[in-house]
Amino acid sequence: MKKRALISVSDKTGVVGFARDLAELGFEIVSTGGTEKAIRDSGVPVVNISDITGFPECLDGRVKTLHPNVHAGVLAMRSNPAHMDQLKKLDIIPIDVVAINLYPFKETILNPDVTLEDAIENIDIGGPTMLRGAAKNWQDVSVVVDCNDYDSVIEQYRNNGSVSKETKFYLAAKVFEHTAAYDALISGYLREITGNELPDKLTLTYEKAQEMRYGENPHQSAAFYREVSNADNVLSAAEQLHGKELSYNNINDANGALDVIKEFGADKPCAVAVKHANPCGVGLGSDIYQAYMAAYEADTMSIFGGIVALNREVDEKTAAEMSKIFLEIIIAPSYSERALRILCEKKNIRLLKLPALAAGNSQKMLDCKKVTGGILVQRLDTELYDSDKVVCVTDRQPTAAETEQLEFAMKVVKHVKSNGIALINGNQTVGIGPGQTNRITALELALKYAGDRAKGAVMASDAFFPMDDCVKAAESAGITAIIQPGGSLRDQDSIDACNRAGIAMLFTGMRHFKH
């Protein structure tokens, strides 16, 4: 029986060679549109799909392969005598190889000037139908959706006269992953247009960016997947200039560093040090060297083995200082030539270049957390507070300098695991208390880190004080101003304690739990 292959691809990488190899193996090649032209121009014999269907392509190419003569040839089970008898009566030749990749919907929607009409026109109909049919009949049809699989199919035909069932099943599974991701992209694009961010059925798609040696621990397998988007301020858009590949924990921690530095934008030089996804030092300065030194001196112990993000180019002076300690990762918009030379002398440090790292995250981004048996989805926390709704609830108003530092403190504590406390004195954090089961312990931890530097500092809390013990501890340490959401049934106790101590306190009305 004649062997037949149907080839119709948008991405024509390697397709001419694949068609030529199949023709040499005795296959009749059937094709459509631009694919047919490319194959024919290369000198490989090819049959137009209309010669198989007996019906011309129509509706600007929207209808080409949607025909029983095609789908029956794909879906007929060779082991079913009734199927084969029907094909014979209908004069339909079985199709043994289907090679299709789909209209470039992803590339279309990533164009910043895309219109809805352009996007809709690039939704493939016949392609997914053909792929799904061929994958359903995987025992009889080799279906190829990825040009990287052309060679293995040809090799097996040459060596064995057929493709193994194991390979056919692998290729079929790959098809359903591909079409599912394709449909998820479409639904995600349309969901964004409609504004239905939390639909009854949620489908998301990600592309593998990196295989990993292991996950959080060596016994856990892992990979890094990136969202399909134009975002240029996210970790998956970074260029790695030096060092071994990023680990699971590296990526999680580096993302935490980016989240913090985005709070400060690019207005003032800023450096952020992160350890185990919590900020351990944040510093501002008149230049990036001063900002880094402020972040380093905020907690010289915790920064060791940590991740540093900076919102200015790394210069020679800053690089020389950073090279004195062990850092896992440095992320910056750029590096001077001399800085890069200094840092590259350290074999294990990872250097990431991300020019847009200080740009704020889009409010349209979703924040997802996997739980056993489900997934939690929320809008990304891109707000700090509404300045028009911030109120001073104490007799003493904060000074202008305190108000500026209180905003600094809230930008930091927003990214500290709850219960979280951040202490700021001048241009740096002096104490951070993350992830405690009660708020007073978080403050006690922050005060322990701060030591004498707590005197004259300001304090931020990610959520309200359930009682006045935090204010009393702040008074004892010499803290002068506090910012917190408010909203506790016992807010007045904390307000009264602040008034007795002469501490200014602001309520923002917006909490920032981070779990």
Protein backbone atom coordinates (compact mmCIF):
# COMPACT_ATOMS: atom_id res chain seq x y z
CA MET A 1 0.00 0.00 0.00
CA LYS A 2 1.22 3.49 -0.86
CA LYS A 3 2.64 5.40 2.10
CA ARG A 4 1.41 8.94 2.46
CA ALA A 5 2.60 11.92 4.56
CA LEU A 6 0.69 15.13 5.11
CA ILE A 7 2.91 18.15 5.79
CA SER A 8 1.56 21.64 6.51
CA VAL A 9 3.62 23.93 8.70
CA SER A 10 3.86 27.59 9.66
CA ASP A 11 7.42 27.18 10.97
CA LYS A 12 9.24 25.77 7.95
CA THR A 13 12.50 25.02 9.77
CA GLY A 14 13.84 21.73 8.38
CA VAL A 15 10.63 20.91 6.53
CA VAL A 16 12.16 20.66 3.05
CA GLY A 17 14.77 18.19 4.24
CA PHE A 18 12.11 16.20 6.07
CA ALA A 19 9.93 16.05 2.96
CA ARG A 20 12.89 15.03 0.79
CA ASP A 21 13.85 12.25 3.20
CA LEU A 22 10.27 10.94 3.29
CA ALA A 23 10.06 11.02 -0.50
CA GLU A 24 13.29 9.03 -0.73
CA LEU A 25 11.71 6.48 1.62
CA GLY A 26 8.81 6.06 -0.80
CA PHE A 27 6.25 8.41 0.74
CA GLU A 28 3.83 10.45 -1.30
CA ILE A 29 3.93 13.98 0.10
CA VAL A 30 0.66 15.90 0.43
CA SER A 31 0.80 19.55 1.37
CA THR A 32 -0.90 22.94 1.40
CA GLY A 33 -0.20 26.59 0.63
CA GLY A 34 3.24 27.94 1.43
CA THR A 35 4.51 24.57 2.62
CA GLU A 36 3.63 22.98 -0.69
CA LYS A 37 5.42 25.76 -2.57
CA ALA A 38 8.58 25.41 -0.47
CA ILE A 39 8.64 21.64 -1.00
CA ARG A 40 7.88 21.89 -4.73
CA ASP A 41 10.50 24.62 -5.26
CA SER A 42 13.10 22.33 -3.72
CA GLY A 43 12.42 19.72 -6.40
CA VAL A 44 10.56 17.25 -4.18
CA PRO A 45 7.35 15.85 -5.75
CA VAL A 46 4.29 17.03 -3.82
CA VAL A 47 0.53 16.63 -4.16
CA ASN A 48 -1.77 19.56 -3.42
CA ILE A 49 -4.38 18.88 -0.74
CA SER A 50 -7.16 19.80 -3.17
CA ASP A 51 -6.20 16.81 -5.33
CA ILE A 52 -6.95 14.62 -2.32
CA THR A 53 -10.16 16.29 -1.20
CA GLY A 54 -11.52 17.10 -4.65
CA PHE A 55 -12.38 20.50 -3.20
CA PRO A 56 -10.46 23.76 -3.57
CA GLU A 57 -8.95 25.63 -0.64
CA CYS A 58 -11.38 28.41 0.20
CA LEU A 59 -12.22 31.27 2.55
CA ASP A 60 -8.69 32.73 2.31
CA GLY A 61 -7.24 29.37 3.29
CA ARG A 62 -9.44 28.91 6.36
CA VAL A 63 -10.67 25.61 4.86
CA LYS A 64 -8.02 23.27 3.47
CA THR A 65 -7.73 19.99 5.35
CA LEU A 66 -11.21 19.85 6.89
CA HIS A 67 -12.47 17.03 4.68
CA PRO A 68 -13.40 13.31 5.13
CA ASN A 69 -10.80 12.22 2.57
CA VAL A 70 -8.14 13.64 4.87
CA HIS A 71 -9.52 12.81 8.30
CA ALA A 72 -10.61 9.31 7.37
CA GLY A 73 -7.08 8.65 6.15
CA VAL A 74 -5.72 9.83 9.48
CA LEU A 75 -8.25 8.22 11.84
CA ALA A 76 -8.68 4.80 10.24
CA MET A 77 -7.43 2.05 12.53
CA ARG A 78 -5.26 -0.30 10.49
CA SER A 79 -6.09 -3.21 12.82
CA ASN A 80 -9.82 -2.76 12.25
CA PRO A 81 -10.92 -4.65 9.09
CA ALA A 82 -14.15 -2.66 8.87
CA HIS A 83 -12.20 0.63 8.85
CA MET A 84 -9.86 -0.55 6.14
CA ASP A 85 -12.72 -1.95 4.09
CA GLN A 86 -14.47 1.41 4.25
CA LEU A 87 -11.34 3.22 3.12
CA LYS A 88 -11.08 0.86 0.17
CA LYS A 89 -14.72 1.42 -0.83
CA LEU A 90 -14.31 5.20 -0.51
CA ASP A 91 -10.99 5.12 -2.37
CA ILE A 92 -9.17 6.83 0.51
CA ILE A 93 -5.47 6.25 1.10
CA PRO A 94 -4.36 6.07 4.77
CA ILE A 95 -2.05 8.83 6.00
CA ASP A 96 0.92 7.45 7.91
CA VAL A 97 2.79 10.62 8.84
CA VAL A 98 1.28 13.97 9.83
CA ALA A 99 3.67 16.91 10.30
CA ILE A 100 1.90 20.09 11.31
CA ASN A 101 2.74 23.13 13.39
CA LEU A 102 0.20 25.81 14.02
CA TYR A 103 -0.49 29.38 13.02
CA PRO A 104 1.83 31.69 15.01
CA PHE A 105 -0.71 32.84 17.58
CA LYS A 106 1.92 33.41 20.28
CA GLU A 107 4.13 35.51 18.03
CA THR A 108 1.06 37.47 16.91
CA ILE A 109 -0.13 38.44 20.38
CA LEU A 110 3.40 39.30 21.52
CA ASN A 111 3.44 42.06 18.92
CA PRO A 112 2.65 45.24 20.92
CA ASP A 113 0.61 46.56 18.00
CA VAL A 114 -1.56 43.45 17.66
CA THR A 115 -5.26 43.97 17.04
CA LEU A 116 -8.04 41.63 18.07
CA GLU A 117 -8.70 40.93 14.39
CA ASP A 118 -5.05 39.91 13.85
CA ALA A 119 -5.14 37.62 16.87
CA ILE A 120 -8.39 35.93 15.84
CA GLU A 121 -7.15 35.38 12.28
CA ASN A 122 -4.12 33.56 13.69
CA ILE A 123 -6.19 31.01 15.58
CA ASP A 124 -5.57 27.73 13.77
CA ILE A 125 -8.59 25.46 13.23
CA GLY A 126 -7.60 22.73 10.79
CA GLY A 127 -4.15 22.23 12.27
CA PRO A 128 -5.25 21.29 15.80
CA THR A 129 -7.98 19.08 14.35
CA MET A 130 -5.46 17.19 12.23
CA LEU A 131 -2.98 16.92 15.09
CA ARG A 132 -5.56 15.64 17.56
CA GLY A 133 -6.88 13.11 15.07
CA ALA A 134 -3.40 11.81 14.30
CA ALA A 135 -2.46 11.70 17.98
CA LYS A 136 -5.67 9.82 18.81
CA ASN A 137 -4.69 7.22 16.21
CA TRP A 138 -1.12 7.14 17.50
CA GLN A 139 -0.63 3.40 17.00
CA ASP A 140 -0.90 3.87 13.24
CA VAL A 141 0.20 7.46 12.62
CA SER A 142 3.48 9.22 13.37
CA VAL A 143 2.46 12.76 14.23
CA VAL A 144 5.13 15.45 14.39
CA VAL A 145 4.45 18.89 15.88
CA ASP A 146 8.06 19.80 16.68
CA CYS A 147 10.67 20.14 13.91
CA ASN A 148 13.27 18.81 16.36
CA ASP A 149 11.60 15.39 16.01
CA TYR A 150 12.01 15.15 12.21
CA ASP A 151 15.37 13.40 12.41
CA SER A 152 14.28 10.68 14.84
CA VAL A 153 11.27 9.80 12.67
CA ILE A 154 13.43 9.57 9.53
CA GLU A 155 16.10 7.55 11.33
CA GLN A 156 13.59 4.96 12.52
CA TYR A 157 12.02 4.64 9.07
CA ARG A 158 15.46 4.15 7.53
CA ASN A 159 16.67 1.65 10.09
CA ASN A 160 13.48 -0.24 10.86
CA GLY A 161 11.01 0.55 8.09
CA SER A 162 8.63 2.04 10.66
CA VAL A 163 8.43 4.20 13.77
CA SER A 164 8.29 2.32 17.08
CA LYS A 165 5.13 2.38 19.15
CA GLU A 166 7.07 3.96 22.00
CA THR A 167 8.11 6.87 19.79
CA LYS A 168 4.64 7.23 18.30
CA PHE A 169 3.13 7.42 21.77
CA TYR A 170 5.73 9.99 22.84
CA LEU A 171 4.96 12.09 19.77
CA ALA A 172 1.21 11.84 20.39
CA ALA A 173 1.56 12.93 24.00
CA LYS A 174 3.65 15.88 22.81
CA VAL A 175 0.85 16.88 20.45
CA PHE A 176 -1.74 17.09 23.21
CA GLU A 177 0.64 19.12 25.36
CA HIS A 178 1.17 21.45 22.40
CA THR A 179 -2.49 21.91 21.50
CA ALA A 180 -3.44 22.35 25.16
CA ALA A 181 -0.84 25.12 25.52
CA TYR A 182 -2.02 26.68 22.24
CA ASP A 183 -5.63 26.77 23.44
CA ALA A 184 -4.54 28.09 26.83
CA LEU A 185 -2.76 30.99 25.12
CA ILE A 186 -5.91 31.80 23.20
CA SER A 187 -8.16 31.64 26.26
CA GLY A 188 -5.66 33.70 28.27
CA TYR A 189 -5.52 36.40 25.62
CA LEU A 190 -9.31 36.59 25.38
CA ARG A 191 -9.66 36.45 29.17
CA GLU A 192 -7.43 39.50 29.47
CA ILE A 193 -9.55 41.39 26.95
CA THR A 194 -12.80 40.54 28.73
CA GLY A 195 -11.31 41.32 32.15
CA ASN A 196 -12.46 37.96 33.54
CA GLU A 197 -9.27 37.35 35.52
CA LEU A 198 -10.73 34.59 37.72
CA PRO A 199 -12.90 32.45 35.41
CA ASP A 200 -14.71 29.27 36.40
CA LYS A 201 -12.22 27.27 34.34
CA LEU A 202 -8.64 28.54 34.45
CA THR A 203 -6.05 27.35 31.94
CA LEU A 204 -2.49 28.65 32.07
CA THR A 205 0.49 27.85 29.89
CA TYR A 206 4.21 28.12 30.50
CA GLU A 207 7.28 27.26 28.44
CA LYS A 208 10.22 25.39 29.91
CA ALA A 209 13.13 27.77 30.35
CA GLN A 210 15.52 25.50 32.20
CA GLU A 211 15.98 21.97 33.44
CA MET A 212 17.32 21.80 36.98
CA ARG A 213 19.54 19.33 38.74
CA TYR A 214 17.00 19.27 41.58
CA GLY A 215 14.40 21.35 43.40
CA GLU A 216 14.50 22.81 46.90
CA ASN A 217 16.25 19.61 47.98
CA PRO A 218 18.36 17.05 46.09
CA HIS A 219 15.62 14.38 46.16
CA GLN A 220 13.12 16.63 44.33
CA SER A 221 13.05 16.95 40.53
CA ALA A 222 12.40 20.44 39.15
CA ALA A 223 12.34 22.76 36.14
CA PHE A 224 11.86 26.48 35.58
CA TYR A 225 8.96 27.50 33.32
CA ARG A 226 8.39 31.01 32.02
CA GLU A 227 5.18 32.79 31.17
CA VAL A 228 4.49 33.68 27.56
CA SER A 229 4.59 37.47 27.69
CA ASN A 230 6.42 40.62 26.61
CA ALA A 231 7.55 41.41 30.16
CA ASP A 232 11.19 42.50 30.12
CA ASN A 233 11.53 43.16 33.86
CA VAL A 234 11.14 39.56 35.06
CA LEU A 235 13.76 36.99 35.92
CA SER A 236 13.10 34.83 32.86
CA ALA A 237 14.12 37.81 30.68
CA ALA A 238 17.53 38.17 32.35
CA GLU A 239 20.74 37.41 30.48
CA GLN A 240 23.23 35.34 32.46
CA LEU A 241 26.73 36.67 31.86
CA HIS A 242 28.72 34.39 34.13
CA GLY A 243 28.53 31.45 36.52
CA LYS A 244 26.89 28.05 36.68
CA GLU A 245 23.21 27.59 36.00
CA LEU A 246 20.65 28.90 38.45
CA SER A 247 19.15 26.47 40.92
CA TYR A 248 15.52 26.24 42.06
CA ASN A 249 16.28 28.16 45.25
CA ASN A 250 18.41 30.70 43.35
CA ILE A 251 15.48 31.54 41.10
CA ASN A 252 13.02 31.82 43.98
CA ASP A 253 15.36 34.05 45.98
CA ALA A 254 16.35 36.16 42.97
CA ASN A 255 12.69 36.77 42.23
CA GLY A 256 12.30 38.01 45.80
CA ALA A 257 15.17 40.44 45.29
CA LEU A 258 13.58 41.76 42.10
CA ASP A 259 10.23 42.24 43.83
CA VAL A 260 11.83 44.40 46.51
CA ILE A 261 13.92 46.55 44.20
CA LYS A 262 10.92 47.23 41.97
CA GLU A 263 9.32 48.99 44.95
CA PHE A 264 12.06 51.63 44.77
CA GLY A 265 12.06 52.07 41.00
CA ALA A 266 15.01 53.84 39.42
CA ASP A 267 14.74 57.30 41.03
CA LYS A 268 17.45 56.77 43.62
CA PRO A 269 20.37 54.28 43.72
CA CYS A 270 19.21 51.22 45.63
CA ALA A 271 20.68 47.85 46.59
CA VAL A 272 18.74 44.89 47.95
CA ALA A 273 20.18 41.80 49.61
CA VAL A 274 17.98 38.72 49.94
CA LYS A 275 18.47 35.44 51.77
CA HIS A 276 15.97 32.58 51.63
CA ALA A 277 13.44 34.81 49.80
CA ASN A 278 13.45 37.43 52.60
CA PRO A 279 15.21 40.79 52.34
CA CYS A 280 18.08 40.95 54.81
CA GLY A 281 19.45 44.35 53.82
CA VAL A 282 18.16 47.27 51.76
CA GLY A 283 20.17 50.42 51.25
CA LEU A 284 19.85 53.75 49.45
CA GLY A 285 22.67 56.11 48.51
CA SER A 286 23.83 58.94 46.33
CA ASP A 287 25.50 56.35 44.10
CA ILE A 288 25.32 52.59 43.74
CA TYR A 289 28.44 52.02 45.84
CA GLN A 290 26.92 53.83 48.81
CA ALA A 291 23.63 51.99 48.30
CA TYR A 292 25.40 48.62 48.28
CA MET A 293 27.45 49.46 51.37
CA ALA A 294 24.27 50.48 53.19
CA ALA A 295 22.62 47.16 52.25
CA TYR A 296 25.74 45.20 53.23
CA GLU A 297 26.19 46.94 56.57
CA ALA A 298 22.51 46.46 57.36
CA ASP A 299 23.27 42.79 58.11
CA THR A 300 26.83 41.72 57.33
CA MET A 301 26.14 38.16 58.45
CA SER A 302 22.96 37.31 56.56
CA ILE A 303 24.12 38.75 53.23
CA PHE A 304 26.83 36.08 53.04
CA GLY A 305 25.71 33.54 50.42
CA GLY A 306 22.81 35.80 49.48
CA ILE A 307 21.55 37.53 46.37
CA VAL A 308 22.07 41.21 45.60
CA ALA A 309 19.99 43.28 43.19
CA LEU A 310 20.98 46.79 42.20
CA ASN A 311 19.13 49.39 40.14
CA ARG A 312 22.24 50.99 38.66
CA GLU A 313 25.14 49.74 36.58
CA VAL A 314 27.70 47.91 38.67
CA ASP A 315 30.90 49.96 38.57
CA GLU A 316 34.46 48.92 39.36
CA LYS A 317 34.38 50.22 42.95
CA THR A 318 31.15 48.43 43.80
CA ALA A 319 32.30 45.22 42.12
CA ALA A 320 35.54 45.24 44.10
CA GLU A 321 33.57 45.57 47.33
CA MET A 322 31.09 42.82 46.43
CA SER A 323 33.90 40.47 45.46
CA LYS A 324 35.14 40.48 49.07
CA ILE A 325 32.33 38.18 50.20
CA PHE A 326 30.58 35.11 48.84
CA LEU A 327 27.44 36.03 46.92
CA GLU A 328 25.31 33.56 45.00
CA ILE A 329 23.88 36.02 42.46
CA ILE A 330 24.17 39.65 41.44
CA ILE A 331 21.39 41.15 39.32
CA ALA A 332 21.87 44.55 37.74
CA PRO A 333 20.79 46.51 34.66
CA SER A 334 24.38 46.45 33.39
CA TYR A 335 28.03 46.05 34.38
CA SER A 336 31.02 48.16 33.45
CA GLU A 337 33.79 46.31 31.64
CA ARG A 338 36.11 46.55 34.65
CA ALA A 339 33.37 45.46 37.06
CA LEU A 340 32.62 42.40 34.94
CA ARG A 341 36.30 41.49 34.84
CA ILE A 342 36.56 41.69 38.65
CA LEU A 343 33.41 39.67 39.32
CA CYS A 344 34.15 37.01 36.71
CA GLU A 345 37.28 36.11 38.66
CA LYS A 346 34.90 34.47 41.14
CA LYS A 347 34.07 31.12 39.54
CA ASN A 348 30.76 30.33 41.19
CA ILE A 349 29.01 33.70 41.28
CA ARG A 350 26.10 34.10 38.87
CA LEU A 351 25.90 37.47 37.14
CA LEU A 352 22.56 38.41 35.63
CA LYS A 353 21.91 41.39 33.38
CA LEU A 354 18.34 42.72 33.36
CA PRO A 355 18.13 46.29 31.99
CA ALA A 356 14.47 46.79 32.98
CA LEU A 357 14.71 45.23 36.45
CA ALA A 358 13.45 48.34 38.29
CA ALA A 359 10.24 48.66 36.27
CA GLY A 360 7.13 47.89 38.30
CA ASN A 361 5.14 44.70 37.79
CA SER A 362 1.94 44.85 35.77
CA GLN A 363 -1.32 44.82 37.73
CA LYS A 364 -2.56 42.24 35.22
CA MET A 365 -0.07 39.65 36.44
CA LEU A 366 -1.41 36.72 38.42
CA ASP A 367 0.22 35.36 41.55
CA CYS A 368 -0.18 31.59 41.84
CA LYS A 369 0.61 29.25 44.69
CA LYS A 370 0.35 25.49 44.29
CA VAL A 371 -1.24 23.58 47.14
CA THR A 372 -1.78 19.84 47.28
CA GLY A 373 -4.76 19.12 45.07
CA GLY A 374 -5.27 22.68 43.85
CA ILE A 375 -3.88 26.09 43.08
CA LEU A 376 -4.44 29.48 44.71
CA VAL A 377 -4.64 32.41 42.30
CA GLN A 378 -4.71 36.11 43.09
CA ARG A 379 -3.75 39.39 41.48
CA LEU A 380 -0.14 40.28 42.12
CA ASP A 381 0.28 42.67 45.06
CA THR A 382 1.47 45.75 43.15
CA GLU A 383 0.14 48.40 45.55
CA LEU A 384 1.81 49.86 48.63
CA TYR A 385 -0.94 52.06 50.04
CA ASP A 386 -3.17 54.92 49.00
CA SER A 387 -1.43 58.02 50.34
CA ASP A 388 -4.77 59.86 50.48
CA LYS A 389 -6.05 57.27 52.95
CA VAL A 390 -3.02 57.20 55.25
CA VAL A 391 -3.90 58.78 58.59
CA CYS A 392 -1.86 59.79 61.60
CA VAL A 393 -3.67 58.34 64.62
CA THR A 394 -1.37 59.75 67.31
CA ASP A 395 -0.92 63.13 68.94
CA ARG A 396 2.53 63.51 67.41
CA GLN A 397 2.80 63.76 63.64
CA PRO A 398 5.84 62.15 62.01
CA THR A 399 8.48 64.56 60.74
CA ALA A 400 9.17 64.82 57.01
CA ALA A 401 12.29 62.67 57.45
CA GLU A 402 10.34 60.05 59.42
CA THR A 403 7.56 60.02 56.82
CA GLU A 404 10.09 59.29 54.08
CA GLN A 405 11.66 56.50 56.12
CA LEU A 406 8.25 55.04 57.00
CA GLU A 407 7.49 54.69 53.29
CA PHE A 408 10.90 53.03 52.87
CA ALA A 409 10.07 50.65 55.71
CA MET A 410 6.68 49.70 54.23
CA LYS A 411 8.26 49.00 50.84
CA VAL A 412 10.56 46.52 52.54
CA VAL A 413 8.17 44.86 54.98
CA LYS A 414 5.68 44.26 52.17
CA HIS A 415 8.13 41.61 50.91
CA VAL A 416 9.01 40.11 54.30
CA LYS A 417 7.32 36.80 55.09
CA SER A 418 4.49 37.34 57.59
CA ASN A 419 4.51 38.03 60.44
CA GLY A 420 7.06 40.64 59.37
CA ILE A 421 8.70 43.71 60.86
CA ALA A 422 11.19 46.10 59.21
CA LEU A 423 13.25 48.76 60.99
CA ILE A 424 14.78 51.65 59.05
CA ASN A 425 17.35 54.13 60.28
CA GLY A 426 18.54 56.70 57.78
CA ASN A 427 19.26 55.16 54.40
CA GLN A 428 19.19 51.48 55.35
CA THR A 429 17.34 48.68 57.01
CA VAL A 430 18.80 47.95 60.43
CA GLY A 431 16.62 45.04 61.49
CA ILE A 432 14.19 42.69 59.74
CA GLY A 433 12.09 40.09 61.52
CA PRO A 434 10.52 37.63 59.04
CA GLY A 435 8.12 34.72 59.15
CA GLN A 436 7.27 34.47 62.83
CA THR A 437 4.14 32.93 64.31
CA ASN A 438 3.44 36.06 66.35
CA ARG A 439 4.22 39.71 65.78
CA ILE A 440 6.08 40.47 69.00
CA THR A 441 8.60 37.72 68.22
CA ALA A 442 9.11 39.18 64.75
CA LEU A 443 9.83 42.56 66.36
CA GLU A 444 12.13 41.05 68.95
CA LEU A 445 14.10 39.38 66.15
CA ALA A 446 14.33 42.65 64.22
CA LEU A 447 15.50 44.47 67.36
CA LYS A 448 18.12 41.80 67.97
CA TYR A 449 19.56 42.41 64.50
CA ALA A 450 19.37 46.18 64.95
CA GLY A 451 21.00 46.44 68.37
CA ASP A 452 21.87 50.05 69.16
CA ARG A 453 20.84 51.08 65.63
CA ALA A 454 17.18 50.73 66.67
CA LYS A 455 17.50 54.01 68.59
CA GLY A 456 15.98 56.69 66.38
CA ALA A 457 14.73 54.15 63.83
CA VAL A 458 11.22 53.85 62.36
CA MET A 459 9.23 50.64 62.16
CA ALA A 460 6.84 49.03 59.67
CA SER A 461 4.55 46.08 60.26
CA ASP A 462 2.92 44.09 57.45
CA ALA A 463 -0.33 43.77 59.45
CA PHE A 464 -1.98 45.32 62.49
CA PHE A 465 -0.87 45.00 66.12
CA PRO A 466 -3.27 42.72 67.99
CA MET A 467 -2.15 44.31 71.25
CA ASP A 468 0.15 47.06 72.51
CA ASP A 469 3.18 44.86 73.27
CA CYS A 470 4.92 45.84 70.02
CA VAL A 471 4.59 49.54 70.81
CA LYS A 472 6.01 49.01 74.29
CA ALA A 473 8.96 47.08 72.84
CA ALA A 474 9.49 49.83 70.27
CA GLU A 475 9.50 52.45 73.00
CA SER A 476 12.12 50.56 74.98
CA ALA A 477 14.34 50.33 71.86
CA GLY A 478 14.05 54.04 71.04
CA ILE A 479 11.94 53.75 67.89
CA THR A 480 10.36 57.10 67.01
CA ALA A 481 7.66 56.33 64.42
CA ILE A 482 5.54 53.39 63.29
CA ILE A 483 3.56 52.57 60.16
CA GLN A 484 1.04 49.73 60.10
CA PRO A 485 -2.33 48.92 58.49
CA GLY A 486 -4.48 49.31 61.61
CA GLY A 487 -7.79 47.51 61.92
CA SER A 488 -7.36 45.60 65.18
CA LEU A 489 -10.15 45.56 67.77
CA ARG A 490 -7.47 46.80 70.17
CA ASP A 491 -6.02 49.56 67.99
CA GLN A 492 -6.72 52.13 70.70
CA ASP A 493 -4.40 50.30 73.11
CA SER A 494 -1.52 50.74 70.67
CA ILE A 495 -2.48 54.36 69.94
CA ASP A 496 -2.54 55.16 73.66
CA ALA A 497 0.85 53.47 74.15
CA CYS A 498 2.31 55.54 71.31
CA ASN A 499 0.93 58.76 72.78
CA ARG A 500 2.45 57.98 76.18
CA ALA A 501 5.81 57.28 74.52
CA GLY A 502 5.72 60.24 72.10
CA ILE A 503 5.84 57.88 69.10
CA ALA A 504 4.12 58.95 65.88
CA MET A 505 2.01 56.25 64.22
CA LEU A 506 0.41 56.06 60.78
CA PHE A 507 -2.39 53.72 59.69
CA THR A 508 -2.42 52.81 55.98
CA GLY A 509 -5.59 50.71 55.87
CA MET A 510 -3.79 48.17 53.63
CA ARG A 511 -2.09 45.05 54.93
CA HIS A 512 0.57 43.03 53.11
CA PHE A 513 0.51 39.43 54.30
CA LYS A 514 3.12 37.35 52.46
CA HIS A 515 3.03 33.59 52.95
